[in-house]
Structures are given as structure tokens and as C-alpha cells.
Amino acid sequence: MQGTVDGFSYGVITPIAAFVMACFGSALGLRCVTRSLRAEQSFKPGWLSLGAASIGCGIWTMHFIAMMGFQIRQTPIDYDVPLTVASLVVAVLVVSVGVFVVGYRGSSPPILITAGVLTGLGVAAMHYLGMAGMRLEGRLHYDTTIVAVSVVIAVVAATAALWAAVSVRGFFPSLVASLIMGAAATGMHYTGIAAMSVHLAGGAPRPGVSGDSLPSVMLPMLLGPLVFLVLAGVVVMFDPLLVLGDGEWNDSPTRRSKPGRPGRTDTPDLPGLPGTTPGDANPVPGPPAWTATANRDTGARSPGEESTRQRRW
């Protein structure tokens, strides 16, 4: 017998929450990749690892928040905890491979395509491995064409996001890239759900029974990735180069130097004397300091000194 698949049992709440988490993880990950590529003397492996873990945790959290709204109305659903945790590990590890390829090999088209394929396959593998962790009274079947479409969506989105991380400068363009990646990851999830059908075992269905056990199983498991994403967000928040981007940070008002001598910083002009600063050699009008020294050395007197001498006589 065919089971009734419902991916929106809580309405739009779970899709919106899943989308927000996917965007959050993608934004953190892409900014960390940008930081590793453009900041001088950065700890590149650390930034790349943080970025890969952020993307993996964000997409994994998206998947299982969306799954809280998933049910098969005729049968309860339980989850295999080790297999569910393995889906998180696979997501982080495979995404790490793609991120490290871009971080160390550059942004040429062949490298981007290779890294995008690896990262997209990691996202798709996480989804289908997590689905394989479901335990229910029936068998899952997938439409291979729709599954292929979901994998293509994941690969294209990952490639575009990695291109944005290494090519787009500035916070807001990177934010747009993270929104695109979050939308694609969420779309890939629901495309994979659309590819699934359930054939129930044991004949007659049991009405009124659903997979309500998922929140009690998944909420403790979601706590770790959520805490990690919050801590990664704190790192991004307190690193101005990650928030503003390389160009904006170098061009910010506090970083600009005034034209002129190297190393001079902006200071207000003295009243009535435009263009002078307290550090100038002659802050007030008058003969330069070397004139008096030259007169003393040669015996010559300035007009002021001569008039003072005549009045004294």
C-alpha cells in the first residue's frame, strides 16, 4: 500500500526556519573562505576548516529542521542515531574537501568546477544518508530522475557559492551569495522529498499515527551544531575584515592616510592655517628656522634685530 508523504505538517514554519539556518551556515562559511584567501598572514587551515564546518553544520541543521515537518500519515517514524550522526560527519568532511581545494589551488574554472562538484555531492550525500536513517513500517523508493535533478541543484549551487567566495568582494555581495546557496540547499532538500515514495508493509494502515518522535530524538542532536554555528558567528562578528571585506576595511575612514608624507594620519587643520598640522615644522607664518641659524653663523642680522640694536643705542 502507498503511504501518504507530507513534508509540510507544520505549514511554512519549518521551511522558513530551515532556509534561515542554511543561509546562516552558508554566510559564515563563505566569509571564512574569503578571509583565508584575502587576509595576509592568516591561519589558512583554521579559517578553511571553520568555513567548511559552518557550511556542513548549517545545511545539516537545515535538513533536520525541515524533517521535523515531515511525516508519513499511516506509520510512525524513528531515526537511526548513528546513521544520522554519520550524515553530519559526511557533510562536513566532503564539504571540507571542496573548500580546501579552492583555498589551496585557486579559483580557475577547472578548480572551481571540481570543488563545486565535491561540495554539492557532499550536500546531496548528507540528505540521502539522513533519509536512509529513517526507520518505518515500509520501504522507501526514489524517482531517479528527480534525484538527479536534486543532485544537479546541489552541485550548481555549491559551485556558484564557491565562485562568489573567491571572486565577489564586499559583505553584501557575499550575503546575496549565501542567500542563493541557502535557497538552493533548501530547494534540493524538498526536491529530494518529492522524489520519494513509501510502500507500506503489513497491509492495513494505522490512522492517526505519525512521526511525532522526531523532535524528541533530534532536538538534543541539533543542539551541538547550533552551538557551533553561534560560536562561529561570534568569530565573524568580532573580525572586521570578515564583516566588511578586504576592500572596505582598507578603505574605511579610520584606516585612510592623508596625502603627503607617508605614515601621516588625518588631523584637523589649525584655525586660520589650512593644511597645517601640529606635526609640521613651521606651524605659524614667519621666517623659517634655518634663517636665524644662518644669520648667527655669518654675522648677518635680520631687519628686526638691526632696528632693535639701533633703538638700544
C-alpha atoms as a PDB file:
ATOM      1  CA  MET A   1       0.000   0.000   0.000  1.00  0.00           C
ATOM      2  CA  GLN A   2       1.174   3.514  -0.791  1.00  0.00           C
ATOM      3  CA  GLY A   3       1.898   5.793   2.163  1.00  0.00           C
ATOM      4  CA  THR A   4       0.920   9.468   2.239  1.00  0.00           C
ATOM      5  CA  VAL A   5       4.029  11.663   2.409  1.00  0.00           C
ATOM      6  CA  ASP A   6       3.579  15.089   3.993  1.00  0.00           C
ATOM      7  CA  GLY A   7       6.593  17.395   4.121  1.00  0.00           C
ATOM      8  CA  PHE A   8       4.700  20.421   5.463  1.00  0.00           C
ATOM      9  CA  SER A   9       2.864  19.161   8.526  1.00  0.00           C
ATOM     10  CA  TYR A  10       3.696  22.419  10.361  1.00  0.00           C
ATOM     11  CA  GLY A  11       2.912  24.639   7.393  1.00  0.00           C
ATOM     12  CA  VAL A  12       5.558  27.164   6.320  1.00  0.00           C
ATOM     13  CA  ILE A  13       7.249  27.302   9.733  1.00  0.00           C
ATOM     14  CA  THR A  14       9.736  24.507   9.141  1.00  0.00           C
ATOM     15  CA  PRO A  15      10.645  25.528   5.545  1.00  0.00           C
ATOM     16  CA  ILE A  16      11.342  29.115   6.625  1.00  0.00           C
ATOM     17  CA  ALA A  17      13.356  28.049   9.684  1.00  0.00           C
ATOM     18  CA  ALA A  18      15.303  25.556   7.546  1.00  0.00           C
ATOM     19  CA  PHE A  19      16.055  28.230   4.937  1.00  0.00           C
ATOM     20  CA  VAL A  20      17.293  30.659   7.598  1.00  0.00           C
ATOM     21  CA  MET A  21      19.685  28.071   9.045  1.00  0.00           C
ATOM     22  CA  ALA A  22      21.006  27.128   5.602  1.00  0.00           C
ATOM     23  CA  CYS A  23      21.664  30.804   4.802  1.00  0.00           C
ATOM     24  CA  PHE A  24      23.305  31.386   8.182  1.00  0.00           C
ATOM     25  CA  GLY A  25      25.698  28.477   7.811  1.00  0.00           C
ATOM     26  CA  SER A  26      26.478  29.370   4.202  1.00  0.00           C
ATOM     27  CA  ALA A  27      27.147  33.026   5.064  1.00  0.00           C
ATOM     28  CA  LEU A  28      29.568  32.085   7.843  1.00  0.00           C
ATOM     29  CA  GLY A  29      31.321  29.525   5.679  1.00  0.00           C
ATOM     30  CA  LEU A  30      31.733  31.779   2.657  1.00  0.00           C
ATOM     31  CA  ARG A  31      33.071  34.666   4.726  1.00  0.00           C
ATOM     32  CA  CYS A  32      35.631  32.356   6.338  1.00  0.00           C
ATOM     33  CA  VAL A  33      36.752  31.138   2.899  1.00  0.00           C
ATOM     34  CA  THR A  34      37.089  34.760   1.775  1.00  0.00           C
ATOM     35  CA  ARG A  35      39.110  35.562   4.898  1.00  0.00           C
ATOM     36  CA  SER A  36      41.538  32.710   4.273  1.00  0.00           C
ATOM     37  CA  LEU A  37      42.139  33.796   0.666  1.00  0.00           C
ATOM     38  CA  ARG A  38      42.484  37.567   1.084  1.00  0.00           C
ATOM     39  CA  ALA A  39      43.929  38.237   4.510  1.00  0.00           C
ATOM     40  CA  GLU A  40      47.693  38.360   4.778  1.00  0.00           C
ATOM     41  CA  GLN A  41      49.348  36.041   7.316  1.00  0.00           C
ATOM     42  CA  SER A  42      46.072  34.340   8.166  1.00  0.00           C
ATOM     43  CA  PHE A  43      45.891  30.870   9.612  1.00  0.00           C
ATOM     44  CA  LYS A  44      44.546  29.414   6.387  1.00  0.00           C
ATOM     45  CA  PRO A  45      43.822  25.820   7.513  1.00  0.00           C
ATOM     46  CA  GLY A  46      41.940  27.128  10.524  1.00  0.00           C
ATOM     47  CA  TRP A  47      39.770  29.533   8.515  1.00  0.00           C
ATOM     48  CA  LEU A  48      39.058  26.914   5.844  1.00  0.00           C
ATOM     49  CA  SER A  49      38.146  24.327   8.481  1.00  0.00           C
ATOM     50  CA  LEU A  50      35.841  26.808  10.204  1.00  0.00           C
ATOM     51  CA  GLY A  51      34.210  27.654   6.886  1.00  0.00           C
ATOM     52  CA  ALA A  52      33.683  24.023   5.889  1.00  0.00           C
ATOM     53  CA  ALA A  53      32.272  23.118   9.291  1.00  0.00           C
ATOM     54  CA  SER A  54      29.917  26.111   9.186  1.00  0.00           C
ATOM     55  CA  ILE A  55      28.565  25.168   5.758  1.00  0.00           C
ATOM     56  CA  GLY A  56      28.211  21.497   6.733  1.00  0.00           C
ATOM     57  CA  CYS A  57      26.525  22.211  10.072  1.00  0.00           C
ATOM     58  CA  GLY A  58      24.240  24.836   8.552  1.00  0.00           C
ATOM     59  CA  ILE A  59      22.999  22.522   5.803  1.00  0.00           C
ATOM     60  CA  TRP A  60      22.671  19.538   8.162  1.00  0.00           C
ATOM     61  CA  THR A  61      20.661  21.673  10.602  1.00  0.00           C
ATOM     62  CA  MET A  62      18.509  22.871   7.699  1.00  0.00           C
ATOM     63  CA  HIS A  63      17.803  19.283   6.690  1.00  0.00           C
ATOM     64  CA  PHE A  64      16.624  18.088  10.088  1.00  0.00           C
ATOM     65  CA  ILE A  65      14.649  21.229  10.903  1.00  0.00           C
ATOM     66  CA  ALA A  66      12.804  20.613   7.647  1.00  0.00           C
ATOM     67  CA  MET A  67      12.380  16.957   8.605  1.00  0.00           C
ATOM     68  CA  MET A  68      10.519  17.995  11.749  1.00  0.00           C
ATOM     69  CA  GLY A  69       7.685  18.936   9.418  1.00  0.00           C
ATOM     70  CA  PHE A  70       7.892  15.605   7.591  1.00  0.00           C
ATOM     71  CA  GLN A  71       5.583  12.700   8.307  1.00  0.00           C
ATOM     72  CA  ILE A  72       4.044   9.617   6.742  1.00  0.00           C
ATOM     73  CA  ARG A  73       0.498   9.622   7.980  1.00  0.00           C
ATOM     74  CA  GLN A  74      -0.016   5.861   8.133  1.00  0.00           C
ATOM     75  CA  THR A  75       3.106   4.879  10.062  1.00  0.00           C
ATOM     76  CA  PRO A  76       5.373   6.225  12.811  1.00  0.00           C
ATOM     77  CA  ILE A  77       8.926   7.262  12.001  1.00  0.00           C
ATOM     78  CA  ASP A  78      12.001   6.702  14.120  1.00  0.00           C
ATOM     79  CA  TYR A  79      15.610   7.567  13.351  1.00  0.00           C
ATOM     80  CA  ASP A  80      18.821   5.590  13.495  1.00  0.00           C
ATOM     81  CA  VAL A  81      21.001   7.880  15.612  1.00  0.00           C
ATOM     82  CA  PRO A  82      24.442   6.583  14.466  1.00  0.00           C
ATOM     83  CA  LEU A  83      23.451   6.893  10.809  1.00  0.00           C
ATOM     84  CA  THR A  84      22.031  10.365  11.426  1.00  0.00           C
ATOM     85  CA  VAL A  85      25.282  11.496  13.061  1.00  0.00           C
ATOM     86  CA  ALA A  86      27.209   9.922  10.178  1.00  0.00           C
ATOM     87  CA  SER A  87      25.289  12.160   7.769  1.00  0.00           C
ATOM     88  CA  LEU A  88      26.635  15.211   9.620  1.00  0.00           C
ATOM     89  CA  VAL A  89      30.201  13.862   9.519  1.00  0.00           C
ATOM     90  CA  VAL A  90      29.921  13.120   5.794  1.00  0.00           C
ATOM     91  CA  ALA A  91      28.580  16.611   5.101  1.00  0.00           C
ATOM     92  CA  VAL A  92      31.446  18.325   6.937  1.00  0.00           C
ATOM     93  CA  LEU A  93      34.182  16.087   5.520  1.00  0.00           C
ATOM     94  CA  VAL A  94      33.111  16.240   1.865  1.00  0.00           C
ATOM     95  CA  VAL A  95      32.434  19.986   2.022  1.00  0.00           C
ATOM     96  CA  SER A  96      35.895  20.387   3.590  1.00  0.00           C
ATOM     97  CA  VAL A  97      37.498  18.710   0.591  1.00  0.00           C
ATOM     98  CA  GLY A  98      35.836  21.160  -1.791  1.00  0.00           C
ATOM     99  CA  VAL A  99      36.662  24.182   0.359  1.00  0.00           C
ATOM    100  CA  PHE A 100      40.318  23.186   0.790  1.00  0.00           C
ATOM    101  CA  VAL A 101      40.674  22.604  -2.967  1.00  0.00           C
ATOM    102  CA  VAL A 102      39.596  26.198  -3.613  1.00  0.00           C
ATOM    103  CA  GLY A 103      41.668  27.515  -0.714  1.00  0.00           C
ATOM    104  CA  TYR A 104      44.942  25.968  -1.888  1.00  0.00           C
ATOM    105  CA  ARG A 105      44.504  25.514  -5.642  1.00  0.00           C
ATOM    106  CA  GLY A 106      42.974  28.859  -6.601  1.00  0.00           C
ATOM    107  CA  SER A 107      39.859  29.899  -8.489  1.00  0.00           C
ATOM    108  CA  SER A 108      40.477  28.753 -12.060  1.00  0.00           C
ATOM    109  CA  PRO A 109      37.398  27.263 -13.789  1.00  0.00           C
ATOM    110  CA  PRO A 110      38.596  23.616 -13.582  1.00  0.00           C
ATOM    111  CA  ILE A 111      39.367  24.013  -9.876  1.00  0.00           C
ATOM    112  CA  LEU A 112      36.025  25.678  -9.157  1.00  0.00           C
ATOM    113  CA  ILE A 113      34.113  23.003 -11.039  1.00  0.00           C
ATOM    114  CA  THR A 114      35.950  20.225  -9.206  1.00  0.00           C
ATOM    115  CA  ALA A 115      35.407  21.828  -5.811  1.00  0.00           C
ATOM    116  CA  GLY A 116      31.765  22.608  -6.614  1.00  0.00           C
ATOM    117  CA  VAL A 117      31.074  19.027  -7.650  1.00  0.00           C
ATOM    118  CA  LEU A 118      32.672  17.692  -4.443  1.00  0.00           C
ATOM    119  CA  THR A 119      30.817  20.147  -2.229  1.00  0.00           C
ATOM    120  CA  GLY A 120      27.490  19.547  -3.994  1.00  0.00           C
ATOM    121  CA  LEU A 121      27.885  15.786  -3.748  1.00  0.00           C
ATOM    122  CA  GLY A 122      28.610  16.186  -0.046  1.00  0.00           C
ATOM    123  CA  VAL A 123      25.362  18.127   0.433  1.00  0.00           C
ATOM    124  CA  ALA A 124      23.384  15.527  -1.536  1.00  0.00           C
ATOM    125  CA  ALA A 125      25.058  12.638   0.304  1.00  0.00           C
ATOM    126  CA  MET A 126      24.142  14.208   3.639  1.00  0.00           C
ATOM    127  CA  HIS A 127      20.492  14.471   2.559  1.00  0.00           C
ATOM    128  CA  TYR A 128      20.073  10.924   1.305  1.00  0.00           C
ATOM    129  CA  LEU A 129      22.108   9.394   4.111  1.00  0.00           C
ATOM    130  CA  GLY A 130      19.881  11.192   6.601  1.00  0.00           C
ATOM    131  CA  MET A 131      16.808   9.882   4.787  1.00  0.00           C
ATOM    132  CA  ALA A 132      18.263   6.378   4.924  1.00  0.00           C
ATOM    133  CA  GLY A 133      18.383   6.753   8.710  1.00  0.00           C
ATOM    134  CA  MET A 134      14.580   6.723   8.899  1.00  0.00           C
ATOM    135  CA  ARG A 135      13.000   3.623  10.399  1.00  0.00           C
ATOM    136  CA  LEU A 136       9.371   2.946   9.478  1.00  0.00           C
ATOM    137  CA  GLU A 137       6.972   0.125   8.600  1.00  0.00           C
ATOM    138  CA  GLY A 138       7.565   0.210   4.883  1.00  0.00           C
ATOM    139  CA  ARG A 139      10.160   0.737   2.167  1.00  0.00           C
ATOM    140  CA  LEU A 140      11.354   3.937   0.565  1.00  0.00           C
ATOM    141  CA  HIS A 141      11.546   4.297  -3.207  1.00  0.00           C
ATOM    142  CA  TYR A 142      13.008   7.171  -5.219  1.00  0.00           C
ATOM    143  CA  ASP A 143      12.374   8.540  -8.674  1.00  0.00           C
ATOM    144  CA  THR A 144      15.878   8.540 -10.169  1.00  0.00           C
ATOM    145  CA  THR A 145      15.147  11.469 -12.482  1.00  0.00           C
ATOM    146  CA  ILE A 146      14.080  13.752  -9.626  1.00  0.00           C
ATOM    147  CA  VAL A 147      17.005  12.536  -7.531  1.00  0.00           C
ATOM    148  CA  ALA A 148      19.375  13.502 -10.363  1.00  0.00           C
ATOM    149  CA  VAL A 149      17.731  16.943 -10.522  1.00  0.00           C
ATOM    150  CA  SER A 150      18.270  17.429  -6.768  1.00  0.00           C
ATOM    151  CA  VAL A 151      21.949  16.500  -7.105  1.00  0.00           C
ATOM    152  CA  VAL A 152      22.401  18.916 -10.013  1.00  0.00           C
ATOM    153  CA  ILE A 153      20.810  21.686  -7.937  1.00  0.00           C
ATOM    154  CA  ALA A 154      23.251  20.983  -5.106  1.00  0.00           C
ATOM    155  CA  VAL A 155      26.301  20.944  -7.414  1.00  0.00           C
ATOM    156  CA  VAL A 156      25.360  24.135  -9.292  1.00  0.00           C
ATOM    157  CA  ALA A 157      24.592  25.981  -6.060  1.00  0.00           C
ATOM    158  CA  ALA A 158      27.852  24.882  -4.431  1.00  0.00           C
ATOM    159  CA  THR A 159      29.909  25.884  -7.486  1.00  0.00           C
ATOM    160  CA  ALA A 160      28.258  29.305  -7.660  1.00  0.00           C
ATOM    161  CA  ALA A 161      28.762  29.878  -3.941  1.00  0.00           C
ATOM    162  CA  LEU A 162      32.460  28.943  -4.061  1.00  0.00           C
ATOM    163  CA  TRP A 163      32.932  31.223  -7.071  1.00  0.00           C
ATOM    164  CA  ALA A 164      31.338  34.058  -5.096  1.00  0.00           C
ATOM    165  CA  ALA A 165      33.591  33.352  -2.119  1.00  0.00           C
ATOM    166  CA  VAL A 166      36.772  33.775  -4.183  1.00  0.00           C
ATOM    167  CA  SER A 167      35.566  36.385  -6.685  1.00  0.00           C
ATOM    168  CA  VAL A 168      32.998  38.696  -5.083  1.00  0.00           C
ATOM    169  CA  ARG A 169      34.277  41.468  -2.833  1.00  0.00           C
ATOM    170  CA  GLY A 170      32.224  43.030  -0.081  1.00  0.00           C
ATOM    171  CA  PHE A 171      29.783  41.976   2.584  1.00  0.00           C
ATOM    172  CA  PHE A 172      26.518  42.473   0.720  1.00  0.00           C
ATOM    173  CA  PRO A 173      27.506  40.549  -2.437  1.00  0.00           C
ATOM    174  CA  SER A 174      28.610  37.689  -0.183  1.00  0.00           C
ATOM    175  CA  LEU A 175      25.293  37.932   1.655  1.00  0.00           C
ATOM    176  CA  VAL A 176      23.461  37.566  -1.657  1.00  0.00           C
ATOM    177  CA  ALA A 177      25.611  34.530  -2.474  1.00  0.00           C
ATOM    178  CA  SER A 178      24.752  32.934   0.875  1.00  0.00           C
ATOM    179  CA  LEU A 179      21.038  33.547   0.256  1.00  0.00           C
ATOM    180  CA  ILE A 180      21.337  31.840  -3.119  1.00  0.00           C
ATOM    181  CA  MET A 181      23.175  28.884  -1.616  1.00  0.00           C
ATOM    182  CA  GLY A 182      20.666  28.632   1.240  1.00  0.00           C
ATOM    183  CA  ALA A 183      17.745  28.702  -1.182  1.00  0.00           C
ATOM    184  CA  ALA A 184      19.383  26.071  -3.390  1.00  0.00           C
ATOM    185  CA  ALA A 185      20.152  23.773  -0.436  1.00  0.00           C
ATOM    186  CA  THR A 186      16.582  24.067   0.840  1.00  0.00           C
ATOM    187  CA  GLY A 187      15.242  23.539  -2.668  1.00  0.00           C
ATOM    188  CA  MET A 188      17.438  20.476  -3.067  1.00  0.00           C
ATOM    189  CA  HIS A 189      16.004  19.065   0.167  1.00  0.00           C
ATOM    190  CA  TYR A 190      12.385  19.435  -0.899  1.00  0.00           C
ATOM    191  CA  THR A 191      13.202  18.180  -4.389  1.00  0.00           C
ATOM    192  CA  GLY A 192      14.599  15.043  -2.770  1.00  0.00           C
ATOM    193  CA  ILE A 193      11.421  14.724  -0.687  1.00  0.00           C
ATOM    194  CA  ALA A 194       9.363  14.995  -3.880  1.00  0.00           C
ATOM    195  CA  ALA A 195      11.383  12.117  -5.357  1.00  0.00           C
ATOM    196  CA  MET A 196      10.427   9.801  -2.506  1.00  0.00           C
ATOM    197  CA  SER A 197       7.511   7.391  -2.248  1.00  0.00           C
ATOM    198  CA  VAL A 198       6.690   4.939   0.542  1.00  0.00           C
ATOM    199  CA  HIS A 199       5.329   1.436   0.144  1.00  0.00           C
ATOM    200  CA  LEU A 200       3.878   0.320   3.452  1.00  0.00           C
ATOM    201  CA  ALA A 201       4.359  -3.187   4.769  1.00  0.00           C
ATOM    202  CA  GLY A 202       1.821  -5.266   6.655  1.00  0.00           C
ATOM    203  CA  GLY A 203      -1.408  -4.362   4.874  1.00  0.00           C
ATOM    204  CA  ALA A 204      -3.829  -2.038   6.662  1.00  0.00           C
ATOM    205  CA  PRO A 205      -2.613   1.412   7.681  1.00  0.00           C
ATOM    206  CA  ARG A 206      -2.773   2.750  11.220  1.00  0.00           C
ATOM    207  CA  PRO A 207      -4.562   6.113  11.033  1.00  0.00           C
ATOM    208  CA  GLY A 208      -3.644   8.943  13.337  1.00  0.00           C
ATOM    209  CA  VAL A 209      -0.107   7.685  13.885  1.00  0.00           C
ATOM    210  CA  SER A 210       2.707   9.931  12.674  1.00  0.00           C
ATOM    211  CA  GLY A 211       6.393  10.515  13.244  1.00  0.00           C
ATOM    212  CA  ASP A 212       5.976  12.680  16.310  1.00  0.00           C
ATOM    213  CA  SER A 213       9.005  11.027  17.914  1.00  0.00           C
ATOM    214  CA  LEU A 214      11.360  13.070  15.712  1.00  0.00           C
ATOM    215  CA  PRO A 215      11.551  16.227  17.899  1.00  0.00           C
ATOM    216  CA  SER A 216      12.433  14.217  20.994  1.00  0.00           C
ATOM    217  CA  VAL A 217      15.188  12.434  19.068  1.00  0.00           C
ATOM    218  CA  MET A 218      16.540  15.341  17.011  1.00  0.00           C
ATOM    219  CA  LEU A 219      16.386  18.310  19.369  1.00  0.00           C
ATOM    220  CA  PRO A 220      19.309  17.063  21.519  1.00  0.00           C
ATOM    221  CA  MET A 221      21.281  16.252  18.352  1.00  0.00           C
ATOM    222  CA  LEU A 222      20.620  19.684  16.882  1.00  0.00           C
ATOM    223  CA  LEU A 223      21.988  21.406  19.971  1.00  0.00           C
ATOM    224  CA  GLY A 224      25.658  20.753  19.145  1.00  0.00           C
ATOM    225  CA  PRO A 225      25.622  22.120  15.566  1.00  0.00           C
ATOM    226  CA  LEU A 226      23.533  25.108  16.669  1.00  0.00           C
ATOM    227  CA  VAL A 227      26.002  25.991  19.424  1.00  0.00           C
ATOM    228  CA  PHE A 228      28.888  25.644  16.948  1.00  0.00           C
ATOM    229  CA  LEU A 229      27.179  27.987  14.468  1.00  0.00           C
ATOM    230  CA  VAL A 230      26.608  30.570  17.203  1.00  0.00           C
ATOM    231  CA  LEU A 231      30.287  30.438  18.194  1.00  0.00           C
ATOM    232  CA  ALA A 232      31.343  30.730  14.548  1.00  0.00           C
ATOM    233  CA  GLY A 233      29.052  33.740  14.248  1.00  0.00           C
ATOM    234  CA  VAL A 234      30.826  35.348  17.209  1.00  0.00           C
ATOM    235  CA  VAL A 235      34.175  34.865  15.447  1.00  0.00           C
ATOM    236  CA  VAL A 236      32.834  36.562  12.331  1.00  0.00           C
ATOM    237  CA  MET A 237      31.221  39.355  14.336  1.00  0.00           C
ATOM    238  CA  PHE A 238      34.467  40.316  16.065  1.00  0.00           C
ATOM    239  CA  ASP A 239      36.660  40.177  12.958  1.00  0.00           C
ATOM    240  CA  PRO A 240      36.184  43.440  10.989  1.00  0.00           C
ATOM    241  CA  LEU A 241      37.891  42.029   7.907  1.00  0.00           C
ATOM    242  CA  LEU A 242      35.364  39.180   7.806  1.00  0.00           C
ATOM    243  CA  VAL A 243      32.393  41.525   8.203  1.00  0.00           C
ATOM    244  CA  LEU A 244      33.482  44.337   5.884  1.00  0.00           C
ATOM    245  CA  GLY A 245      35.667  42.501   3.410  1.00  0.00           C
ATOM    246  CA  ASP A 246      39.227  43.304   2.388  1.00  0.00           C
ATOM    247  CA  GLY A 247      38.430  46.365   0.293  1.00  0.00           C
ATOM    248  CA  GLU A 248      36.011  48.038   2.697  1.00  0.00           C
ATOM    249  CA  TRP A 249      38.265  47.513   5.706  1.00  0.00           C
ATOM    250  CA  ASN A 250      41.293  49.051   3.983  1.00  0.00           C
ATOM    251  CA  ASP A 251      39.180  51.939   2.696  1.00  0.00           C
ATOM    252  CA  SER A 252      37.390  52.702   5.960  1.00  0.00           C
ATOM    253  CA  PRO A 253      37.868  56.263   7.358  1.00  0.00           C
ATOM    254  CA  THR A 254      39.923  55.105  10.323  1.00  0.00           C
ATOM    255  CA  ARG A 255      42.401  53.343   8.023  1.00  0.00           C
ATOM    256  CA  ARG A 256      42.959  56.100   5.442  1.00  0.00           C
ATOM    257  CA  SER A 257      46.143  58.206   5.488  1.00  0.00           C
ATOM    258  CA  LYS A 258      46.233  61.840   4.478  1.00  0.00           C
ATOM    259  CA  PRO A 259      48.046  62.572   1.191  1.00  0.00           C
ATOM    260  CA  GLY A 260      51.548  63.823   1.788  1.00  0.00           C
ATOM    261  CA  ARG A 261      54.282  62.268   3.835  1.00  0.00           C
ATOM    262  CA  PRO A 262      53.967  58.501   4.298  1.00  0.00           C
ATOM    263  CA  GLY A 263      52.563  57.422   7.635  1.00  0.00           C
ATOM    264  CA  ARG A 264      50.735  60.692   8.406  1.00  0.00           C
ATOM    265  CA  THR A 265      47.238  60.278   9.750  1.00  0.00           C
ATOM    266  CA  ASP A 266      44.315  62.668   9.488  1.00  0.00           C
ATOM    267  CA  THR A 267      44.401  65.546  11.996  1.00  0.00           C
ATOM    268  CA  PRO A 268      42.314  68.715  11.975  1.00  0.00           C
ATOM    269  CA  ASP A 269      43.834  71.860  10.466  1.00  0.00           C
ATOM    270  CA  LEU A 270      44.828  74.634  12.807  1.00  0.00           C
ATOM    271  CA  PRO A 271      42.352  77.549  12.822  1.00  0.00           C
ATOM    272  CA  GLY A 272      43.177  80.003  10.089  1.00  0.00           C
ATOM    273  CA  LEU A 273      46.044  77.920   8.753  1.00  0.00           C
ATOM    274  CA  PRO A 274      44.662  75.414   6.283  1.00  0.00           C
ATOM    275  CA  GLY A 275      46.850  72.460   5.515  1.00  0.00           C
ATOM    276  CA  THR A 276      48.959  72.653   8.706  1.00  0.00           C
ATOM    277  CA  THR A 277      49.086  70.103  11.462  1.00  0.00           C
ATOM    278  CA  PRO A 278      50.671  70.081  14.912  1.00  0.00           C
ATOM    279  CA  GLY A 279      53.460  67.938  13.496  1.00  0.00           C
ATOM    280  CA  ASP A 280      54.550  70.497  10.860  1.00  0.00           C
ATOM    281  CA  ALA A 281      57.953  72.153  11.259  1.00  0.00           C
ATOM    282  CA  ASN A 282      56.590  75.754  10.964  1.00  0.00           C
ATOM    283  CA  PRO A 283      53.036  75.933  12.377  1.00  0.00           C
ATOM    284  CA  VAL A 284      52.898  79.807  12.190  1.00  0.00           C
ATOM    285  CA  PRO A 285      53.928  82.286   9.472  1.00  0.00           C
ATOM    286  CA  GLY A 286      57.376  83.782   9.631  1.00  0.00           C
ATOM    287  CA  PRO A 287      60.915  83.180   8.522  1.00  0.00           C
ATOM    288  CA  PRO A 288      61.978  79.572   8.547  1.00  0.00           C
ATOM    289  CA  ALA A 289      64.004  78.341  11.474  1.00  0.00           C
ATOM    290  CA  TRP A 290      67.175  77.915   9.409  1.00  0.00           C
ATOM    291  CA  THR A 291      67.315  81.692   8.687  1.00  0.00           C
ATOM    292  CA  ALA A 292      68.229  82.585  12.230  1.00  0.00           C
ATOM    293  CA  THR A 293      70.876  79.901  12.316  1.00  0.00           C
ATOM    294  CA  ALA A 294      72.386  81.138   9.052  1.00  0.00           C
ATOM    295  CA  ASN A 295      72.421  84.750  10.297  1.00  0.00           C
ATOM    296  CA  ARG A 296      74.122  83.702  13.514  1.00  0.00           C
ATOM    297  CA  ASP A 297      76.760  81.749  11.630  1.00  0.00           C
ATOM    298  CA  THR A 298      77.565  84.572   9.125  1.00  0.00           C
ATOM    299  CA  GLY A 299      77.216  87.541  11.438  1.00  0.00           C
ATOM    300  CA  ALA A 300      74.327  88.983   9.411  1.00  0.00           C
ATOM    301  CA  ARG A 301      71.353  90.456  11.199  1.00  0.00           C
ATOM    302  CA  SER A 302      67.748  90.377  10.206  1.00  0.00           C
ATOM    303  CA  PRO A 303      65.953  93.756   9.811  1.00  0.00           C
ATOM    304  CA  GLY A 304      64.204  93.284  13.158  1.00  0.00           C
ATOM    305  CA  GLU A 305      67.428  92.646  15.003  1.00  0.00           C
ATOM    306  CA  GLU A 306      69.057  95.721  13.371  1.00  0.00           C
ATOM    307  CA  SER A 307      66.218  98.072  14.410  1.00  0.00           C
ATOM    308  CA  THR A 308      66.318  96.759  17.976  1.00  0.00           C
ATOM    309  CA  ARG A 309      70.066  97.397  18.128  1.00  0.00           C
ATOM    310  CA  GLN A 310      69.633 100.973  16.892  1.00  0.00           C
ATOM    311  CA  ARG A 311      66.943 101.770  19.496  1.00  0.00           C
ATOM    312  CA  ARG A 312      69.157 100.367  22.237  1.00  0.00           C
ATOM    313  CA  TRP A 313      71.943 102.783  21.189  1.00  0.00           C
END
